[in-house]
Amino acid sequence: RFGAKRAGATIVEIEGASHAVAVSQPK
């Protein structure tokens, strides 16, 4: 969160997602 906010990024947060979110929630 800190890095994303500092970068001024457009942020999406997925509650309950693990580090392997690209595997568990690819869509």
mmCIF file of all heavy atoms, coordinates in Angstrom:
data_MODEL
# 
_entry.id   MODEL 
# 
loop_
_atom_site.group_PDB 
_atom_site.id 
_atom_site.type_symbol 
_atom_site.label_atom_id 
_atom_site.label_alt_id 
_atom_site.label_comp_id 
_atom_site.label_asym_id 
_atom_site.label_entity_id 
_atom_site.label_seq_id 
_atom_site.pdbx_PDB_ins_code 
_atom_site.Cartn_x 
_atom_site.Cartn_y 
_atom_site.Cartn_z 
_atom_site.occupancy 
_atom_site.B_iso_or_equiv 
_atom_site.pdbx_formal_charge 
_atom_site.auth_seq_id 
_atom_site.auth_comp_id 
_atom_site.auth_asym_id 
_atom_site.auth_atom_id 
_atom_site.pdbx_PDB_model_num 
ATOM 1   N N   . ARG A 1 1  ? 0.833   -1.215  0.000   1.00 0.00 ? 1  ARG A N   1 
ATOM 2   C CA  . ARG A 1 1  ? 0.000   0.000   0.000   1.00 0.00 ? 1  ARG A CA  1 
ATOM 3   C C   . ARG A 1 1  ? 0.860   1.255   0.000   1.00 0.00 ? 1  ARG A C   1 
ATOM 4   O O   . ARG A 1 1  ? 0.599   2.212   -0.745  1.00 0.00 ? 1  ARG A O   1 
ATOM 5   C CB  . ARG A 1 1  ? -0.915  0.010   1.225   1.00 0.00 ? 1  ARG A CB  1 
ATOM 6   C CG  . ARG A 1 1  ? -1.985  -1.054  1.226   1.00 0.00 ? 1  ARG A CG  1 
ATOM 7   C CD  . ARG A 1 1  ? -2.936  -0.870  2.396   1.00 0.00 ? 1  ARG A CD  1 
ATOM 8   N NE  . ARG A 1 1  ? -3.768  -2.056  2.554   1.00 0.00 ? 1  ARG A NE  1 
ATOM 9   C CZ  . ARG A 1 1  ? -3.592  -2.973  3.495   1.00 0.00 ? 1  ARG A CZ  1 
ATOM 10  N NH1 . ARG A 1 1  ? -2.626  -2.826  4.390   1.00 0.00 ? 1  ARG A NH1 1 
ATOM 11  N NH2 . ARG A 1 1  ? -4.378  -4.024  3.561   1.00 0.00 ? 1  ARG A NH2 1 
ATOM 12  N N   . PHE A 1 2  ? 1.882   1.252   0.845   1.00 0.00 ? 2  PHE A N   1 
ATOM 13  C CA  . PHE A 1 2  ? 2.755   2.421   0.953   1.00 0.00 ? 2  PHE A CA  1 
ATOM 14  C C   . PHE A 1 2  ? 3.421   2.735   -0.385  1.00 0.00 ? 2  PHE A C   1 
ATOM 15  O O   . PHE A 1 2  ? 3.406   3.884   -0.850  1.00 0.00 ? 2  PHE A O   1 
ATOM 16  C CB  . PHE A 1 2  ? 3.823   2.184   2.022   1.00 0.00 ? 2  PHE A CB  1 
ATOM 17  C CG  . PHE A 1 2  ? 4.878   3.262   2.078   1.00 0.00 ? 2  PHE A CG  1 
ATOM 18  C CD1 . PHE A 1 2  ? 4.643   4.453   2.745   1.00 0.00 ? 2  PHE A CD1 1 
ATOM 19  C CD2 . PHE A 1 2  ? 6.100   3.087   1.438   1.00 0.00 ? 2  PHE A CD2 1 
ATOM 20  C CE1 . PHE A 1 2  ? 5.612   5.453   2.783   1.00 0.00 ? 2  PHE A CE1 1 
ATOM 21  C CE2 . PHE A 1 2  ? 7.068   4.084   1.466   1.00 0.00 ? 2  PHE A CE2 1 
ATOM 22  C CZ  . PHE A 1 2  ? 6.826   5.276   2.143   1.00 0.00 ? 2  PHE A CZ  1 
ATOM 23  N N   . GLY A 1 3  ? 4.012   1.717   -1.005  1.00 0.00 ? 3  GLY A N   1 
ATOM 24  C CA  . GLY A 1 3  ? 4.698   1.930   -2.274  1.00 0.00 ? 3  GLY A CA  1 
ATOM 25  C C   . GLY A 1 3  ? 3.748   2.392   -3.365  1.00 0.00 ? 3  GLY A C   1 
ATOM 26  O O   . GLY A 1 3  ? 4.081   3.282   -4.157  1.00 0.00 ? 3  GLY A O   1 
ATOM 27  N N   . ALA A 1 4  ? 2.557   1.802   -3.396  1.00 0.00 ? 4  ALA A N   1 
ATOM 28  C CA  . ALA A 1 4  ? 1.577   2.157   -4.424  1.00 0.00 ? 4  ALA A CA  1 
ATOM 29  C C   . ALA A 1 4  ? 1.086   3.593   -4.259  1.00 0.00 ? 4  ALA A C   1 
ATOM 30  O O   . ALA A 1 4  ? 0.975   4.345   -5.233  1.00 0.00 ? 4  ALA A O   1 
ATOM 31  C CB  . ALA A 1 4  ? 0.404   1.183   -4.377  1.00 0.00 ? 4  ALA A CB  1 
ATOM 32  N N   . LYS A 1 5  ? 0.805   3.970   -3.012  1.00 0.00 ? 5  LYS A N   1 
ATOM 33  C CA  . LYS A 1 5  ? 0.337   5.340   -2.770  1.00 0.00 ? 5  LYS A CA  1 
ATOM 34  C C   . LYS A 1 5  ? 1.430   6.350   -3.092  1.00 0.00 ? 5  LYS A C   1 
ATOM 35  O O   . LYS A 1 5  ? 1.169   7.396   -3.688  1.00 0.00 ? 5  LYS A O   1 
ATOM 36  C CB  . LYS A 1 5  ? -0.115  5.482   -1.320  1.00 0.00 ? 5  LYS A CB  1 
ATOM 37  C CG  . LYS A 1 5  ? -1.412  4.744   -1.005  1.00 0.00 ? 5  LYS A CG  1 
ATOM 38  C CD  . LYS A 1 5  ? -1.784  4.881   0.461   1.00 0.00 ? 5  LYS A CD  1 
ATOM 39  C CE  . LYS A 1 5  ? -3.068  4.118   0.782   1.00 0.00 ? 5  LYS A CE  1 
ATOM 40  N NZ  . LYS A 1 5  ? -3.396  4.188   2.224   1.00 0.00 ? 5  LYS A NZ  1 
ATOM 41  N N   . ARG A 1 6  ? 2.658   6.035   -2.702  1.00 0.00 ? 6  ARG A N   1 
ATOM 42  C CA  . ARG A 1 6  ? 3.770   6.939   -2.976  1.00 0.00 ? 6  ARG A CA  1 
ATOM 43  C C   . ARG A 1 6  ? 3.964   7.123   -4.478  1.00 0.00 ? 6  ARG A C   1 
ATOM 44  O O   . ARG A 1 6  ? 4.326   8.219   -4.939  1.00 0.00 ? 6  ARG A O   1 
ATOM 45  C CB  . ARG A 1 6  ? 5.038   6.387   -2.334  1.00 0.00 ? 6  ARG A CB  1 
ATOM 46  C CG  . ARG A 1 6  ? 6.266   7.257   -2.546  1.00 0.00 ? 6  ARG A CG  1 
ATOM 47  C CD  . ARG A 1 6  ? 7.468   6.739   -1.768  1.00 0.00 ? 6  ARG A CD  1 
ATOM 48  N NE  . ARG A 1 6  ? 7.865   5.395   -2.163  1.00 0.00 ? 6  ARG A NE  1 
ATOM 49  C CZ  . ARG A 1 6  ? 8.872   4.731   -1.609  1.00 0.00 ? 6  ARG A CZ  1 
ATOM 50  N NH1 . ARG A 1 6  ? 9.557   5.270   -0.615  1.00 0.00 ? 6  ARG A NH1 1 
ATOM 51  N NH2 . ARG A 1 6  ? 9.171   3.518   -2.024  1.00 0.00 ? 6  ARG A NH2 1 
ATOM 52  N N   . ALA A 1 7  ? 3.729   6.059   -5.229  1.00 0.00 ? 7  ALA A N   1 
ATOM 53  C CA  . ALA A 1 7  ? 3.876   6.124   -6.685  1.00 0.00 ? 7  ALA A CA  1 
ATOM 54  C C   . ALA A 1 7  ? 2.708   6.821   -7.370  1.00 0.00 ? 7  ALA A C   1 
ATOM 55  O O   . ALA A 1 7  ? 2.753   7.046   -8.578  1.00 0.00 ? 7  ALA A O   1 
ATOM 56  C CB  . ALA A 1 7  ? 4.047   4.710   -7.242  1.00 0.00 ? 7  ALA A CB  1 
ATOM 57  N N   . GLY A 1 8  ? 1.669   7.126   -6.608  1.00 0.00 ? 8  GLY A N   1 
ATOM 58  C CA  . GLY A 1 8  ? 0.485   7.714   -7.220  1.00 0.00 ? 8  GLY A CA  1 
ATOM 59  C C   . GLY A 1 8  ? -0.264  6.744   -8.097  1.00 0.00 ? 8  GLY A C   1 
ATOM 60  O O   . GLY A 1 8  ? -0.948  7.138   -9.056  1.00 0.00 ? 8  GLY A O   1 
ATOM 61  N N   . ALA A 1 9  ? -0.153  5.457   -7.772  1.00 0.00 ? 9  ALA A N   1 
ATOM 62  C CA  . ALA A 1 9  ? -0.765  4.415   -8.597  1.00 0.00 ? 9  ALA A CA  1 
ATOM 63  C C   . ALA A 1 9  ? -2.283  4.373   -8.431  1.00 0.00 ? 9  ALA A C   1 
ATOM 64  O O   . ALA A 1 9  ? -2.822  4.757   -7.395  1.00 0.00 ? 9  ALA A O   1 
ATOM 65  C CB  . ALA A 1 9  ? -0.176  3.051   -8.224  1.00 0.00 ? 9  ALA A CB  1 
ATOM 66  N N   . THR A 1 10 ? -2.944  3.881   -9.467  1.00 0.00 ? 10 THR A N   1 
ATOM 67  C CA  . THR A 1 10 ? -4.353  3.502   -9.357  1.00 0.00 ? 10 THR A CA  1 
ATOM 68  C C   . THR A 1 10 ? -4.384  2.155   -8.636  1.00 0.00 ? 10 THR A C   1 
ATOM 69  O O   . THR A 1 10 ? -3.803  1.183   -9.126  1.00 0.00 ? 10 THR A O   1 
ATOM 70  C CB  . THR A 1 10 ? -4.992  3.372   -10.749 1.00 0.00 ? 10 THR A CB  1 
ATOM 71  O OG1 . THR A 1 10 ? -4.915  4.641   -11.412 1.00 0.00 ? 10 THR A OG1 1 
ATOM 72  C CG2 . THR A 1 10 ? -6.436  2.928   -10.646 1.00 0.00 ? 10 THR A CG2 1 
ATOM 73  N N   . ILE A 1 11 ? -5.019  2.097   -7.473  1.00 0.00 ? 11 ILE A N   1 
ATOM 74  C CA  . ILE A 1 11 ? -4.885  0.938   -6.584  1.00 0.00 ? 11 ILE A CA  1 
ATOM 75  C C   . ILE A 1 11 ? -6.167  0.126   -6.518  1.00 0.00 ? 11 ILE A C   1 
ATOM 76  O O   . ILE A 1 11 ? -7.255  0.664   -6.353  1.00 0.00 ? 11 ILE A O   1 
ATOM 77  C CB  . ILE A 1 11 ? -4.489  1.387   -5.165  1.00 0.00 ? 11 ILE A CB  1 
ATOM 78  C CG1 . ILE A 1 11 ? -3.180  2.191   -5.199  1.00 0.00 ? 11 ILE A CG1 1 
ATOM 79  C CG2 . ILE A 1 11 ? -4.341  0.183   -4.234  1.00 0.00 ? 11 ILE A CG2 1 
ATOM 80  C CD1 . ILE A 1 11 ? -2.829  2.846   -3.878  1.00 0.00 ? 11 ILE A CD1 1 
ATOM 81  N N   . VAL A 1 12 ? -6.004  -1.193  -6.630  1.00 0.00 ? 12 VAL A N   1 
ATOM 82  C CA  . VAL A 1 12 ? -7.077  -2.156  -6.383  1.00 0.00 ? 12 VAL A CA  1 
ATOM 83  C C   . VAL A 1 12 ? -6.599  -3.069  -5.262  1.00 0.00 ? 12 VAL A C   1 
ATOM 84  O O   . VAL A 1 12 ? -5.466  -3.542  -5.292  1.00 0.00 ? 12 VAL A O   1 
ATOM 85  C CB  . VAL A 1 12 ? -7.381  -3.003  -7.638  1.00 0.00 ? 12 VAL A CB  1 
ATOM 86  C CG1 . VAL A 1 12 ? -8.339  -4.137  -7.309  1.00 0.00 ? 12 VAL A CG1 1 
ATOM 87  C CG2 . VAL A 1 12 ? -7.952  -2.122  -8.743  1.00 0.00 ? 12 VAL A CG2 1 
ATOM 88  N N   . GLU A 1 13 ? -7.439  -3.284  -4.262  1.00 0.00 ? 13 GLU A N   1 
ATOM 89  C CA  . GLU A 1 13 ? -7.078  -4.203  -3.183  1.00 0.00 ? 13 GLU A CA  1 
ATOM 90  C C   . GLU A 1 13 ? -8.044  -5.382  -3.184  1.00 0.00 ? 13 GLU A C   1 
ATOM 91  O O   . GLU A 1 13 ? -9.261  -5.196  -3.274  1.00 0.00 ? 13 GLU A O   1 
ATOM 92  C CB  . GLU A 1 13 ? -7.094  -3.511  -1.826  1.00 0.00 ? 13 GLU A CB  1 
ATOM 93  C CG  . GLU A 1 13 ? -6.696  -4.443  -0.695  1.00 0.00 ? 13 GLU A CG  1 
ATOM 94  C CD  . GLU A 1 13 ? -6.171  -3.727  0.540   1.00 0.00 ? 13 GLU A CD  1 
ATOM 95  O OE1 . GLU A 1 13 ? -5.906  -2.509  0.465   1.00 0.00 ? 13 GLU A OE1 1 
ATOM 96  O OE2 . GLU A 1 13 ? -6.005  -4.399  1.580   1.00 0.00 ? 13 GLU A OE2 1 
ATOM 97  N N   . ILE A 1 14 ? -7.491  -6.584  -3.091  1.00 0.00 ? 14 ILE A N   1 
ATOM 98  C CA  . ILE A 1 14 ? -8.318  -7.787  -3.033  1.00 0.00 ? 14 ILE A CA  1 
ATOM 99  C C   . ILE A 1 14 ? -8.206  -8.376  -1.630  1.00 0.00 ? 14 ILE A C   1 
ATOM 100 O O   . ILE A 1 14 ? -7.159  -8.914  -1.251  1.00 0.00 ? 14 ILE A O   1 
ATOM 101 C CB  . ILE A 1 14 ? -7.896  -8.818  -4.089  1.00 0.00 ? 14 ILE A CB  1 
ATOM 102 C CG1 . ILE A 1 14 ? -8.022  -8.214  -5.491  1.00 0.00 ? 14 ILE A CG1 1 
ATOM 103 C CG2 . ILE A 1 14 ? -8.751  -10.072 -3.971  1.00 0.00 ? 14 ILE A CG2 1 
ATOM 104 C CD1 . ILE A 1 14 ? -7.676  -9.171  -6.612  1.00 0.00 ? 14 ILE A CD1 1 
ATOM 105 N N   . GLU A 1 15 ? -9.266  -8.254  -0.888  1.00 0.00 ? 15 GLU A N   1 
ATOM 106 C CA  . GLU A 1 15 ? -9.290  -8.768  0.479   1.00 0.00 ? 15 GLU A CA  1 
ATOM 107 C C   . GLU A 1 15 ? -9.180  -10.290 0.461   1.00 0.00 ? 15 GLU A C   1 
ATOM 108 O O   . GLU A 1 15 ? -9.832  -10.966 -0.331  1.00 0.00 ? 15 GLU A O   1 
ATOM 109 C CB  . GLU A 1 15 ? -10.587 -8.342  1.170   1.00 0.00 ? 15 GLU A CB  1 
ATOM 110 C CG  . GLU A 1 15 ? -10.669 -8.708  2.638   1.00 0.00 ? 15 GLU A CG  1 
ATOM 111 C CD  . GLU A 1 15 ? -11.941 -8.199  3.291   1.00 0.00 ? 15 GLU A CD  1 
ATOM 112 O OE1 . GLU A 1 15 ? -12.686 -7.451  2.621   1.00 0.00 ? 15 GLU A OE1 1 
ATOM 113 O OE2 . GLU A 1 15 ? -12.191 -8.552  4.452   1.00 0.00 ? 15 GLU A OE2 1 
ATOM 114 N N   . GLY A 1 16 ? -8.336  -10.826 1.317   1.00 0.00 ? 16 GLY A N   1 
ATOM 115 C CA  . GLY A 1 16 ? -8.185  -12.275 1.415   1.00 0.00 ? 16 GLY A CA  1 
ATOM 116 C C   . GLY A 1 16 ? -7.248  -12.894 0.401   1.00 0.00 ? 16 GLY A C   1 
ATOM 117 O O   . GLY A 1 16 ? -7.029  -14.113 0.425   1.00 0.00 ? 16 GLY A O   1 
ATOM 118 N N   . ALA A 1 17 ? -6.681  -12.091 -0.497  1.00 0.00 ? 17 ALA A N   1 
ATOM 119 C CA  . ALA A 1 17 ? -5.787  -12.629 -1.527  1.00 0.00 ? 17 ALA A CA  1 
ATOM 120 C C   . ALA A 1 17 ? -4.398  -12.887 -0.951  1.00 0.00 ? 17 ALA A C   1 
ATOM 121 O O   . ALA A 1 17 ? -3.858  -12.075 -0.204  1.00 0.00 ? 17 ALA A O   1 
ATOM 122 C CB  . ALA A 1 17 ? -5.685  -11.666 -2.695  1.00 0.00 ? 17 ALA A CB  1 
ATOM 123 N N   . SER A 1 18 ? -3.823  -14.015 -1.341  1.00 0.00 ? 18 SER A N   1 
ATOM 124 C CA  . SER A 1 18 ? -2.466  -14.356 -0.927  1.00 0.00 ? 18 SER A CA  1 
ATOM 125 C C   . SER A 1 18 ? -1.451  -13.694 -1.848  1.00 0.00 ? 18 SER A C   1 
ATOM 126 O O   . SER A 1 18 ? -1.803  -13.020 -2.819  1.00 0.00 ? 18 SER A O   1 
ATOM 127 C CB  . SER A 1 18 ? -2.268  -15.879 -0.956  1.00 0.00 ? 18 SER A CB  1 
ATOM 128 O OG  . SER A 1 18 ? -2.096  -16.328 -2.291  1.00 0.00 ? 18 SER A OG  1 
ATOM 129 N N   . HIS A 1 19 ? -0.175  -13.946 -1.562  1.00 0.00 ? 19 HIS A N   1 
ATOM 130 C CA  . HIS A 1 19 ? 0.901   -13.427 -2.411  1.00 0.00 ? 19 HIS A CA  1 
ATOM 131 C C   . HIS A 1 19 ? 0.784   -13.976 -3.835  1.00 0.00 ? 19 HIS A C   1 
ATOM 132 O O   . HIS A 1 19 ? 1.146   -13.302 -4.794  1.00 0.00 ? 19 HIS A O   1 
ATOM 133 C CB  . HIS A 1 19 ? 2.251   -13.806 -1.803  1.00 0.00 ? 19 HIS A CB  1 
ATOM 134 C CG  . HIS A 1 19 ? 3.411   -13.069 -2.394  1.00 0.00 ? 19 HIS A CG  1 
ATOM 135 N ND1 . HIS A 1 19 ? 3.519   -11.693 -2.375  1.00 0.00 ? 19 HIS A ND1 1 
ATOM 136 C CD2 . HIS A 1 19 ? 4.531   -13.520 -3.016  1.00 0.00 ? 19 HIS A CD2 1 
ATOM 137 C CE1 . HIS A 1 19 ? 4.643   -11.326 -2.963  1.00 0.00 ? 19 HIS A CE1 1 
ATOM 138 N NE2 . HIS A 1 19 ? 5.271   -12.412 -3.374  1.00 0.00 ? 19 HIS A NE2 1 
ATOM 139 N N   . ALA A 1 20 ? 0.248   -15.187 -3.954  1.00 0.00 ? 20 ALA A N   1 
ATOM 140 C CA  . ALA A 1 20 ? 0.100   -15.832 -5.263  1.00 0.00 ? 20 ALA A CA  1 
ATOM 141 C C   . ALA A 1 20 ? -1.215  -15.439 -5.931  1.00 0.00 ? 20 ALA A C   1 
ATOM 142 O O   . ALA A 1 20 ? -1.876  -16.265 -6.576  1.00 0.00 ? 20 ALA A O   1 
ATOM 143 C CB  . ALA A 1 20 ? 0.190   -17.346 -5.124  1.00 0.00 ? 20 ALA A CB  1 
ATOM 144 N N   . VAL A 1 21 ? -1.578  -14.180 -5.836  1.00 0.00 ? 21 VAL A N   1 
ATOM 145 C CA  . VAL A 1 21 ? -2.863  -13.720 -6.359  1.00 0.00 ? 21 VAL A CA  1 
ATOM 146 C C   . VAL A 1 21 ? -2.968  -13.908 -7.868  1.00 0.00 ? 21 VAL A C   1 
ATOM 147 O O   . VAL A 1 21 ? -4.071  -14.117 -8.402  1.00 0.00 ? 21 VAL A O   1 
ATOM 148 C CB  . VAL A 1 21 ? -3.106  -12.243 -5.954  1.00 0.00 ? 21 VAL A CB  1 
ATOM 149 C CG1 . VAL A 1 21 ? -2.040  -11.333 -6.568  1.00 0.00 ? 21 VAL A CG1 1 
ATOM 150 C CG2 . VAL A 1 21 ? -4.501  -11.775 -6.336  1.00 0.00 ? 21 VAL A CG2 1 
ATOM 151 N N   . ALA A 1 22 ? -1.850  -13.888 -8.579  1.00 0.00 ? 22 ALA A N   1 
ATOM 152 C CA  . ALA A 1 22 ? -1.897  -14.105 -10.035 1.00 0.00 ? 22 ALA A CA  1 
ATOM 153 C C   . ALA A 1 22 ? -2.290  -15.537 -10.365 1.00 0.00 ? 22 ALA A C   1 
ATOM 154 O O   . ALA A 1 22 ? -2.839  -15.800 -11.441 1.00 0.00 ? 22 ALA A O   1 
ATOM 155 C CB  . ALA A 1 22 ? -0.546  -13.782 -10.666 1.00 0.00 ? 22 ALA A CB  1 
ATOM 156 N N   . VAL A 1 23 ? -2.032  -16.456 -9.441  1.00 0.00 ? 23 VAL A N   1 
ATOM 157 C CA  . VAL A 1 23 ? -2.438  -17.858 -9.616  1.00 0.00 ? 23 VAL A CA  1 
ATOM 158 C C   . VAL A 1 23 ? -3.877  -18.063 -9.164  1.00 0.00 ? 23 VAL A C   1 
ATOM 159 O O   . VAL A 1 23 ? -4.668  -18.716 -9.844  1.00 0.00 ? 23 VAL A O   1 
ATOM 160 C CB  . VAL A 1 23 ? -1.493  -18.797 -8.828  1.00 0.00 ? 23 VAL A CB  1 
ATOM 161 C CG1 . VAL A 1 23 ? -1.942  -20.252 -8.964  1.00 0.00 ? 23 VAL A CG1 1 
ATOM 162 C CG2 . VAL A 1 23 ? -0.055  -18.639 -9.306  1.00 0.00 ? 23 VAL A CG2 1 
ATOM 163 N N   . SER A 1 24 ? -4.234  -17.477 -8.022  1.00 0.00 ? 24 SER A N   1 
ATOM 164 C CA  . SER A 1 24 ? -5.559  -17.720 -7.442  1.00 0.00 ? 24 SER A CA  1 
ATOM 165 C C   . SER A 1 24 ? -6.656  -16.874 -8.077  1.00 0.00 ? 24 SER A C   1 
ATOM 166 O O   . SER A 1 24 ? -7.811  -17.306 -8.137  1.00 0.00 ? 24 SER A O   1 
ATOM 167 C CB  . SER A 1 24 ? -5.529  -17.469 -5.930  1.00 0.00 ? 24 SER A CB  1 
ATOM 168 O OG  . SER A 1 24 ? -5.218  -16.112 -5.639  1.00 0.00 ? 24 SER A OG  1 
ATOM 169 N N   . GLN A 1 25 ? -6.302  -15.674 -8.549  1.00 0.00 ? 25 GLN A N   1 
ATOM 170 C CA  . GLN A 1 25 ? -7.309  -14.773 -9.114  1.00 0.00 ? 25 GLN A CA  1 
ATOM 171 C C   . GLN A 1 25 ? -6.793  -14.119 -10.406 1.00 0.00 ? 25 GLN A C   1 
ATOM 172 O O   . GLN A 1 25 ? -6.671  -12.892 -10.492 1.00 0.00 ? 25 GLN A O   1 
ATOM 173 C CB  . GLN A 1 25 ? -7.698  -13.714 -8.079  1.00 0.00 ? 25 GLN A CB  1 
ATOM 174 C CG  . GLN A 1 25 ? -8.246  -14.312 -6.795  1.00 0.00 ? 25 GLN A CG  1 
ATOM 175 C CD  . GLN A 1 25 ? -9.092  -13.346 -6.014  1.00 0.00 ? 25 GLN A CD  1 
ATOM 176 O OE1 . GLN A 1 25 ? -9.931  -12.630 -6.576  1.00 0.00 ? 25 GLN A OE1 1 
ATOM 177 N NE2 . GLN A 1 25 ? -8.901  -13.314 -4.714  1.00 0.00 ? 25 GLN A NE2 1 
ATOM 178 N N   . PRO A 1 26 ? -6.519  -14.939 -11.408 1.00 0.00 ? 26 PRO A N   1 
ATOM 179 C CA  . PRO A 1 26 ? -5.936  -14.388 -12.638 1.00 0.00 ? 26 PRO A CA  1 
ATOM 180 C C   . PRO A 1 26 ? -6.841  -13.403 -13.369 1.00 0.00 ? 26 PRO A C   1 
ATOM 181 O O   . PRO A 1 26 ? -6.350  -12.470 -14.012 1.00 0.00 ? 26 PRO A O   1 
ATOM 182 C CB  . PRO A 1 26 ? -5.666  -15.637 -13.487 1.00 0.00 ? 26 PRO A CB  1 
ATOM 183 C CG  . PRO A 1 26 ? -6.605  -16.678 -12.967 1.00 0.00 ? 26 PRO A CG  1 
ATOM 184 C CD  . PRO A 1 26 ? -6.706  -16.400 -11.494 1.00 0.00 ? 26 PRO A CD  1 
ATOM 185 N N   . LYS A 1 27 ? -8.168  -13.581 -13.283 1.00 0.00 ? 27 LYS A N   1 
ATOM 186 C CA  . LYS A 1 27 ? -9.071  -12.654 -13.975 1.00 0.00 ? 27 LYS A CA  1 
ATOM 187 C C   . LYS A 1 27 ? -8.965  -11.248 -13.405 1.00 0.00 ? 27 LYS A C   1 
ATOM 188 O O   . LYS A 1 27 ? -8.933  -10.266 -14.151 1.00 0.00 ? 27 LYS A O   1 
ATOM 189 C CB  . LYS A 1 27 ? -10.513 -13.159 -13.894 1.00 0.00 ? 27 LYS A CB  1 
ATOM 190 C CG  . LYS A 1 27 ? -10.785 -14.376 -14.756 1.00 0.00 ? 27 LYS A CG  1 
ATOM 191 C CD  . LYS A 1 27 ? -12.262 -14.733 -14.764 1.00 0.00 ? 27 LYS A CD  1 
ATOM 192 C CE  . LYS A 1 27 ? -12.534 -15.920 -15.685 1.00 0.00 ? 27 LYS A CE  1 
ATOM 193 N NZ  . LYS A 1 27 ? -13.989 -16.255 -15.738 1.00 0.00 ? 27 LYS A NZ  1 
# 
